[in-house]
Every structure is written in structure tokens, then in C-alpha cells.
Amino acid sequence: MNFAGQVREGELPVRHEAVDQDLRFLAARAEPPLRPAICQALAGGKRSRALLLLAGGQGSNLQPGTLLRAAACVELLHAATLVQDDIFDESRVRRGQPALHCSYTPQLATLASDWMLAEALRAAYSLHPGFGEALATCSQRMMAGEAREIAMPTQRTLGARREHARSIAADKTGELFGLVLSAARLLGSDLAQSNRLHLLGRELGVAFQYLDDTLDLYGDQRTAGKEVERDQALGLCTSPVLDAIGMLSRAAAASVLSLRGGLAPGVLDELRSEEVRSCVLARARRQWETAAGAVLHEFPSGSVLSEILSAIPAAMLPDPVASRSLPRTGAKGSSAAPHLPF
């Protein structure tokens, strides 16, 4: 198969430019007027999922071009879901640029997201039927998670709200991380290890969603590249907010669990107090480190995964302490830091 962005046999591509080149190759298959919209949707981004997939394939017998195409499939699926999220949330900014439905129309943006999903499925099945099936299942579970978020919870108890938020994160974000970490083993037909890495990836995705929800609560649009405080405006009680309830006043806690609209300004003020902010940031960091440590146990020493996993919270948490390196769990050796677009 003639892949765009093909690299020499045996090399592990850790530069996201190689993935970008393959994405441009796939996007060129679209006809106008979809093509420019798809190119915009795919432009920019940290490519963290693609980099994790490529690093997870280090040491495998797969051709680098196969890994690159699998990484491009993942990025197509991810970009498609972002376009839909922005339409649902009426967000106006994505990756520091106007959201696709603002640059074009919601109708054209929806068609562009559908095209990207269809192309991701086509390319995935062409690589390996099992990988295509896994990407299709991942897509369906992500849609189910999005549907549950739109529907909102029906129970007001803290336990039920936490379980609701976690189930959404596990499907909307965890499923894609599960696919990313298991992709190389799945493409190599190692189903037992693929299933184990998928479960670990789901937990990593839940931790990533916690980071992202924390960024929405405490970040700013310039560094986030998207509008912040959207969750609160939409009345979505994310895990960081629910975990902070015990530190809020009784009135604020009741407001969080009331299932009404967005959070009142007074509640946001309490959530942004230094004490609550520090606790939420620390929890987000710990949750990520725990999930990342479990993943690193499954990979050989010297894996570039350690550097990639360390870079993610450093880029997302508005806290200099977040930039500390992850412990090299299960690995005594070190590796040169890959080029990271964070």
C-alpha cells in the first residue's frame, strides 16, 4: 500500500508532521466544497492520540506506514467528534481558530464530520478488519457517551452524578484512548494484549477527560485554544466540579446538584478559590499519573511513551507543578524526548 508520509523501515515516527502529511493525503480524497472544510478541521491540534499510538507501536513488527495510517484514522475520528461537539455546544473557537460551523455552516460542518468518520472507517478496514471493527465500535460508544451527556442525568444524588460523569468520560474519551493504546497489538493480531491495553487506555482517557474538564474550569482561551467555562455555562457537572462539592458551601453544593441550567456566579467563585483550585489540580495530576503509570508497566524500558505522557498534563494544567516528569514505571532506561507539538 502506498502511504503518504512513509518513513524508512524500522523507524518510529514521533514527529507529528508525518501524521499531518498522511492526513492531507486522505483529505485530498474529498471533493469540493467539503475538502477545504475538512482541511480546516484537521489543521492544528496536539496530535497527542496519534503520538501515543505511534509510541505504543515501538518495537512491533509492523511497518511504520501501517502505524502512520492507523494514527491518521484515529485523528480523523477525533476531528469528526470535535466538529460535532462544537455544533452541539455552540462553541465558536477550536484550536485557536473559528470553529468549523462558524467558518462555514452547521450543515456543511456536519457533512464534513460525516465524511471524516466514513474515511476513517474505510482506511481502518483497509489496514486490518479487526482494526476497522474496533474503530467502528469505538465510534458507536463515543456517540452513546455524547447522547448521555446531552440527555443529562435524572438523579440528584452525588453518587449518581459522579457515576454519570464517569460513564460519559469512559465512552466519549476513554474508548478512543483504548483504541490508541491497543492499536499496534490489534494490528499485529495479539488480541490478549490488545484487550488489556484497551482497558488501560480507557482509564487513561478518563484521566485525560478530568484534565480537560479542569482546563475548562481554570484555564484560559488563549492557552486552551478553545472557549473555556463552556461546561459550566451549559450546566454540565463534570467530575472536577462534583469532586469539589465537599469544599463548597451548602447552598453552592445544592446548586451543583439541582439539575438546573448553568452554575450561578457565586458557585463559580467558590470553585475558583485558591483552596478548591489547588485540590482539584492536585487530584487531576494524581489521577493522570496513576493511569499513566499503569500503562507504562506494559511497555519496555526506554519507551518514548513516558515523555509523551508527561507532556500532556504539563500542557493542560494551569499549574507549573504539572510539568514534573512521570516516574518511569517498569523502566530503568531512558529515551530521548520525542518532538512534541505541545
Protein backbone atom coordinates (compact mmCIF):
# COMPACT_ATOMS: atom_id res chain seq x y z
CA MET A 1 0.00 0.00 0.00
CA ASN A 2 1.34 3.41 -0.95
CA PHE A 3 1.18 5.54 2.18
CA ALA A 4 1.80 9.26 2.22
CA GLY A 5 4.36 10.08 4.88
CA GLN A 6 6.10 6.71 4.54
CA VAL A 7 9.29 6.54 6.60
CA ARG A 8 12.20 4.14 6.39
CA GLU A 9 11.66 0.63 7.65
CA GLY A 10 12.39 0.27 11.35
CA GLU A 11 11.97 3.95 12.20
CA LEU A 12 9.38 5.06 14.71
CA PRO A 13 7.83 8.34 13.54
CA VAL A 14 7.35 10.53 16.61
CA ARG A 15 7.11 13.80 14.73
CA HIS A 16 3.51 14.78 14.16
CA GLU A 17 4.39 16.23 10.73
CA ALA A 18 4.38 12.68 9.33
CA VAL A 19 0.82 12.18 10.56
CA ASP A 20 -0.16 15.58 9.15
CA GLN A 21 1.15 14.56 5.74
CA ASP A 22 -0.92 11.37 5.75
CA LEU A 23 -3.99 13.32 6.85
CA ARG A 24 -3.54 15.70 3.92
CA PHE A 25 -3.31 12.68 1.63
CA LEU A 26 -6.60 11.31 2.95
CA ALA A 27 -8.33 14.71 2.93
CA ALA A 28 -7.44 15.13 -0.74
CA ARG A 29 -9.91 12.33 -1.48
CA ALA A 30 -12.79 14.65 -0.56
CA GLU A 31 -14.47 16.70 -3.27
CA PRO A 32 -15.19 20.44 -3.06
CA PRO A 33 -16.83 22.07 -1.21
CA LEU A 34 -16.12 19.51 1.52
CA ARG A 35 -12.36 19.41 1.00
CA PRO A 36 -11.45 22.88 2.35
CA ALA A 37 -13.74 22.40 5.33
CA ILE A 38 -12.12 19.04 6.13
CA CYS A 39 -8.65 20.53 5.78
CA GLN A 40 -9.58 23.23 8.29
CA ALA A 41 -10.99 20.66 10.70
CA LEU A 42 -7.76 18.67 10.54
CA ALA A 43 -5.41 21.66 10.87
CA GLY A 44 -3.56 22.23 14.13
CA GLY A 45 -4.03 20.22 17.27
CA LYS A 46 -1.54 18.48 19.55
CA ARG A 47 -1.81 15.08 17.82
CA SER A 48 -1.39 13.51 21.26
CA ARG A 49 -3.53 10.49 20.36
CA ALA A 50 -1.56 9.87 17.19
CA LEU A 51 1.75 10.17 19.04
CA LEU A 52 0.57 7.73 21.69
CA LEU A 53 -0.42 5.23 19.01
CA LEU A 54 2.95 5.54 17.27
CA ALA A 55 4.87 5.23 20.52
CA GLY A 56 2.76 2.24 21.54
CA GLY A 57 3.86 0.53 18.34
CA GLN A 58 7.55 0.92 19.09
CA GLY A 59 9.28 -2.43 18.89
CA SER A 60 6.47 -4.09 16.94
CA ASN A 61 6.98 -5.81 13.61
CA LEU A 62 4.52 -3.51 11.89
CA GLN A 63 5.62 -1.35 9.01
CA PRO A 64 5.90 2.34 10.03
CA GLY A 65 3.49 3.23 7.23
CA THR A 66 0.87 0.99 8.81
CA LEU A 67 1.25 2.78 12.14
CA LEU A 68 1.07 6.15 10.42
CA ARG A 69 -2.15 5.26 8.65
CA ALA A 70 -3.66 3.92 11.88
CA ALA A 71 -2.68 7.17 13.62
CA ALA A 72 -4.31 9.16 10.81
CA CYS A 73 -7.52 7.11 11.22
CA VAL A 74 -7.61 7.99 14.90
CA GLU A 75 -7.08 11.68 14.16
CA LEU A 76 -9.86 11.66 11.55
CA LEU A 77 -12.27 10.18 14.08
CA HIS A 78 -11.15 12.63 16.77
CA ALA A 79 -11.52 15.63 14.45
CA ALA A 80 -15.00 14.49 13.41
CA THR A 81 -16.15 14.36 17.02
CA LEU A 82 -14.70 17.81 17.77
CA VAL A 83 -16.69 19.32 14.90
CA GLN A 84 -19.87 17.78 16.29
CA ASP A 85 -19.06 18.84 19.86
CA ASP A 86 -18.66 22.44 18.75
CA ILE A 87 -22.02 22.37 16.96
CA PHE A 88 -23.78 20.85 19.98
CA ASP A 89 -22.13 23.26 22.45
CA GLU A 90 -22.36 26.27 20.12
CA SER A 91 -18.65 26.83 20.67
CA ARG A 92 -17.09 29.45 18.44
CA VAL A 93 -13.37 28.64 18.76
CA ARG A 94 -11.40 25.47 18.17
CA ARG A 95 -7.60 25.17 18.20
CA GLY A 96 -7.32 28.96 18.29
CA GLN A 97 -9.36 29.38 15.07
CA PRO A 98 -13.06 29.82 14.33
CA ALA A 99 -14.98 26.59 14.83
CA LEU A 100 -15.87 24.87 11.56
CA HIS A 101 -19.60 25.58 11.81
CA CYS A 102 -18.74 29.28 12.20
CA SER A 103 -16.39 29.36 9.20
CA TYR A 104 -18.92 27.54 7.04
CA THR A 105 -22.40 26.45 8.14
CA PRO A 106 -23.59 23.84 10.66
CA GLN A 107 -24.90 21.79 7.75
CA LEU A 108 -21.60 21.73 5.87
CA ALA A 109 -19.67 21.14 9.10
CA THR A 110 -21.89 18.14 9.85
CA LEU A 111 -21.28 16.71 6.39
CA ALA A 112 -17.53 17.24 6.82
CA SER A 113 -17.58 15.35 10.12
CA ASP A 114 -19.56 12.53 8.48
CA TRP A 115 -17.02 12.33 5.66
CA MET A 116 -14.10 12.14 8.10
CA LEU A 117 -15.77 9.34 10.03
CA ALA A 118 -16.51 7.42 6.83
CA GLU A 119 -12.92 7.86 5.62
CA ALA A 120 -11.53 6.76 8.98
CA LEU A 121 -13.61 3.57 8.79
CA ARG A 122 -12.60 2.89 5.17
CA ALA A 123 -8.91 3.36 5.90
CA ALA A 124 -9.07 1.35 9.11
CA TYR A 125 -10.71 -1.65 7.43
CA SER A 126 -8.13 -1.50 4.63
CA LEU A 127 -5.38 -1.88 7.23
CA HIS A 128 -6.92 -4.79 9.16
CA PRO A 129 -10.54 -5.96 9.52
CA GLY A 130 -10.12 -6.19 13.29
CA PHE A 131 -8.86 -2.62 13.47
CA GLY A 132 -11.77 -1.44 11.34
CA GLU A 133 -14.24 -3.23 13.60
CA ALA A 134 -12.58 -1.74 16.67
CA LEU A 135 -12.75 1.78 15.23
CA ALA A 136 -16.42 1.31 14.37
CA THR A 137 -17.18 0.09 17.89
CA CYS A 138 -15.20 2.99 19.33
CA SER A 139 -17.23 5.44 17.23
CA GLN A 140 -20.52 3.98 18.41
CA ARG A 141 -19.53 4.10 22.07
CA MET A 142 -18.35 7.69 21.72
CA MET A 143 -21.73 8.58 20.22
CA ALA A 144 -23.52 6.81 23.07
CA GLY A 145 -21.49 8.81 25.60
CA GLU A 146 -22.31 12.06 23.81
CA ALA A 147 -26.00 11.15 23.77
CA ARG A 148 -25.98 10.52 27.53
CA GLU A 149 -24.31 13.88 28.10
CA ILE A 150 -26.94 15.65 26.00
CA ALA A 151 -29.75 13.85 27.80
CA MET A 152 -28.36 14.93 31.21
CA PRO A 153 -28.74 12.85 34.40
CA THR A 154 -32.09 12.33 36.05
CA GLN A 155 -30.87 11.75 39.61
CA ARG A 156 -29.63 14.40 42.00
CA THR A 157 -27.54 12.31 44.38
CA LEU A 158 -23.81 12.93 44.34
CA GLY A 159 -23.01 9.25 43.76
CA ALA A 160 -25.33 9.01 40.77
CA ARG A 161 -23.97 12.22 39.26
CA ARG A 162 -20.38 11.02 39.66
CA GLU A 163 -21.18 7.70 38.00
CA HIS A 164 -22.96 9.52 35.19
CA ALA A 165 -19.98 11.81 34.58
CA ARG A 166 -17.52 8.91 34.68
CA SER A 167 -19.55 6.78 32.27
CA ILE A 168 -19.63 9.67 29.80
CA ALA A 169 -15.86 10.16 30.09
CA ALA A 170 -15.20 6.43 29.68
CA ASP A 171 -17.15 6.33 26.42
CA LYS A 172 -16.56 9.80 24.93
CA THR A 173 -12.83 9.91 25.68
CA GLY A 174 -11.75 6.59 27.16
CA GLU A 175 -12.82 4.49 24.18
CA LEU A 176 -10.59 6.44 21.81
CA PHE A 177 -7.60 6.21 24.15
CA GLY A 178 -8.29 2.49 24.48
CA LEU A 179 -8.18 2.14 20.70
CA VAL A 180 -4.99 4.20 20.51
CA LEU A 181 -3.04 2.13 23.02
CA SER A 182 -4.27 -1.23 21.72
CA ALA A 183 -3.95 -0.43 18.01
CA ALA A 184 -0.45 -1.84 17.40
CA ARG A 185 -1.25 -5.11 19.18
CA LEU A 186 -4.58 -5.36 17.38
CA LEU A 187 -2.94 -4.78 14.00
CA GLY A 188 -0.44 -7.48 14.92
CA SER A 189 -3.29 -9.87 15.88
CA ASP A 190 -2.18 -10.06 19.55
CA LEU A 191 -5.73 -9.99 20.87
CA ALA A 192 -4.98 -10.82 24.50
CA GLN A 193 -2.55 -7.93 24.95
CA SER A 194 -4.75 -5.69 22.81
CA ASN A 195 -7.70 -6.22 25.15
CA ARG A 196 -5.57 -5.48 28.22
CA LEU A 197 -4.17 -2.28 26.72
CA HIS A 198 -7.65 -1.22 25.68
CA LEU A 199 -8.84 -1.37 29.29
CA LEU A 200 -5.81 0.58 30.49
CA GLY A 201 -6.36 3.09 27.71
CA ARG A 202 -9.95 3.63 28.81
CA GLU A 203 -8.71 4.58 32.28
CA LEU A 204 -6.12 6.88 30.73
CA GLY A 205 -8.89 8.50 28.71
CA VAL A 206 -10.99 9.05 31.83
CA ALA A 207 -7.98 10.74 33.42
CA PHE A 208 -7.46 12.82 30.26
CA GLN A 209 -11.08 13.97 30.39
CA TYR A 210 -10.54 15.01 34.01
CA LEU A 211 -7.59 17.12 32.84
CA ASP A 212 -9.68 18.64 30.06
CA ASP A 213 -12.57 19.42 32.41
CA THR A 214 -10.10 21.02 34.81
CA LEU A 215 -8.74 23.11 31.94
CA ASP A 216 -12.29 24.24 31.15
CA LEU A 217 -12.71 25.29 34.76
CA TYR A 218 -9.37 27.00 35.39
CA GLY A 219 -7.74 27.58 32.00
CA ASP A 220 -7.96 30.48 29.58
CA GLN A 221 -8.95 30.56 25.93
CA ARG A 222 -5.53 31.68 24.70
CA THR A 223 -3.67 28.67 26.08
CA ALA A 224 -6.56 26.20 25.68
CA GLY A 225 -7.18 27.14 22.04
CA LYS A 226 -10.92 26.90 22.66
CA GLU A 227 -13.62 28.58 24.71
CA VAL A 228 -13.43 27.77 28.40
CA GLU A 229 -16.19 27.70 31.03
CA ARG A 230 -18.47 26.09 28.43
CA ASP A 231 -19.30 23.14 30.69
CA GLN A 232 -20.50 25.43 33.44
CA ALA A 233 -22.49 27.60 31.04
CA LEU A 234 -24.22 24.50 29.67
CA GLY A 235 -24.99 23.19 33.13
CA LEU A 236 -22.71 20.15 32.79
CA CYS A 237 -21.47 18.97 36.17
CA THR A 238 -18.09 17.50 35.33
CA SER A 239 -16.06 15.26 37.62
CA PRO A 240 -13.79 18.05 38.95
CA VAL A 241 -16.84 20.09 39.96
CA LEU A 242 -18.50 17.10 41.60
CA ASP A 243 -15.30 16.20 43.47
CA ALA A 244 -15.12 19.74 44.84
CA ILE A 245 -18.64 19.66 46.31
CA GLY A 246 -17.39 18.74 49.78
CA MET A 247 -15.39 22.01 49.87
CA LEU A 248 -18.32 24.22 48.81
CA SER A 249 -20.94 25.92 50.94
CA ARG A 250 -24.23 24.09 51.42
CA ALA A 251 -26.02 26.46 49.04
CA ALA A 252 -23.37 26.07 46.34
CA ALA A 253 -23.38 22.28 46.66
CA ALA A 254 -27.17 22.22 46.35
CA SER A 255 -26.94 24.40 43.24
CA VAL A 256 -24.48 21.98 41.62
CA LEU A 257 -26.86 19.05 42.18
CA SER A 258 -30.04 20.91 41.26
CA LEU A 259 -30.01 19.88 37.57
CA ARG A 260 -30.90 23.43 36.57
CA GLY A 261 -29.10 25.38 33.78
CA GLY A 262 -25.60 26.74 34.27
CA LEU A 263 -23.82 27.27 37.56
CA ALA A 264 -24.51 30.50 39.39
CA PRO A 265 -21.67 33.07 39.54
CA GLY A 266 -21.35 32.57 43.29
CA VAL A 267 -20.73 28.86 42.78
CA LEU A 268 -18.02 29.57 40.23
CA ASP A 269 -16.40 31.98 42.67
CA GLU A 270 -16.21 29.24 45.29
CA LEU A 271 -14.86 26.73 42.77
CA ARG A 272 -12.12 29.17 41.83
CA SER A 273 -10.99 29.86 45.38
CA GLU A 274 -7.33 29.03 45.87
CA GLU A 275 -8.06 26.17 48.25
CA VAL A 276 -10.51 24.42 45.92
CA ARG A 277 -8.40 25.14 42.84
CA SER A 278 -5.29 23.61 44.41
CA CYS A 279 -7.15 20.47 45.47
CA VAL A 280 -8.76 19.96 42.05
CA LEU A 281 -5.45 20.47 40.23
CA ALA A 282 -3.71 18.03 42.56
CA ARG A 283 -6.42 15.43 42.06
CA ALA A 284 -6.26 15.81 38.27
CA ARG A 285 -2.50 15.35 38.38
CA ARG A 286 -2.67 12.28 40.64
CA GLN A 287 -5.36 10.63 38.55
CA TRP A 288 -3.31 11.10 35.39
CA GLU A 289 -0.11 9.81 36.97
CA THR A 290 -1.87 6.71 38.29
CA ALA A 291 -3.40 5.87 34.91
CA ALA A 292 -0.18 6.67 33.04
CA GLY A 293 1.88 4.56 35.45
CA ALA A 294 -0.35 1.55 34.81
CA VAL A 295 0.16 1.99 31.07
CA LEU A 296 3.94 2.29 31.39
CA HIS A 297 4.08 -1.06 33.20
CA GLU A 298 3.08 -2.71 29.93
CA PHE A 299 5.88 -1.27 27.81
CA PRO A 300 9.64 -1.91 27.71
CA SER A 301 12.24 0.32 29.30
CA GLY A 302 13.22 3.29 27.21
CA SER A 303 9.75 3.70 25.75
CA VAL A 304 9.06 7.18 24.42
CA LEU A 305 5.61 6.87 25.98
CA SER A 306 6.97 8.22 29.25
CA GLU A 307 7.90 11.57 27.70
CA ILE A 308 4.63 11.83 25.81
CA LEU A 309 2.54 11.01 28.86
CA SER A 310 4.48 13.54 30.93
CA ALA A 311 3.97 16.28 28.35
CA ILE A 312 0.18 16.01 28.29
CA PRO A 313 -0.66 17.30 31.81
CA ALA A 314 2.14 19.85 31.55
CA ALA A 315 0.36 21.30 28.52
CA MET A 316 -3.13 21.23 30.01
CA LEU A 317 -2.98 22.07 33.71
CA PRO A 318 -2.56 25.78 34.55
CA ASP A 319 -0.02 24.90 37.21
CA PRO A 320 3.80 24.78 36.86
CA VAL A 321 3.94 21.73 39.15
CA ALA A 322 2.15 19.78 36.42
CA SER A 323 5.29 19.81 34.31
CA ARG A 324 7.17 17.37 36.52
CA SER A 325 8.12 14.12 34.82
CA LEU A 326 6.25 10.91 35.36
CA PRO A 327 8.16 8.15 37.11
CA ARG A 328 9.47 5.61 34.63
CA THR A 329 7.28 2.83 35.92
CA GLY A 330 8.65 -0.55 34.93
CA ALA A 331 11.55 1.03 33.05
CA LYS A 332 15.09 1.76 34.21
CA GLY A 333 16.40 3.06 30.93
CA SER A 334 15.79 6.49 29.47
CA SER A 335 14.99 7.65 25.99
CA ALA A 336 15.49 10.84 24.06
CA ALA A 337 12.45 13.07 24.29
CA PRO A 338 10.42 12.96 21.11
CA HIS A 339 9.40 16.07 19.23
CA LEU A 340 6.10 17.07 20.82
CA PRO A 341 3.79 19.73 19.43
CA PHE A 342 2.58 20.84 22.85
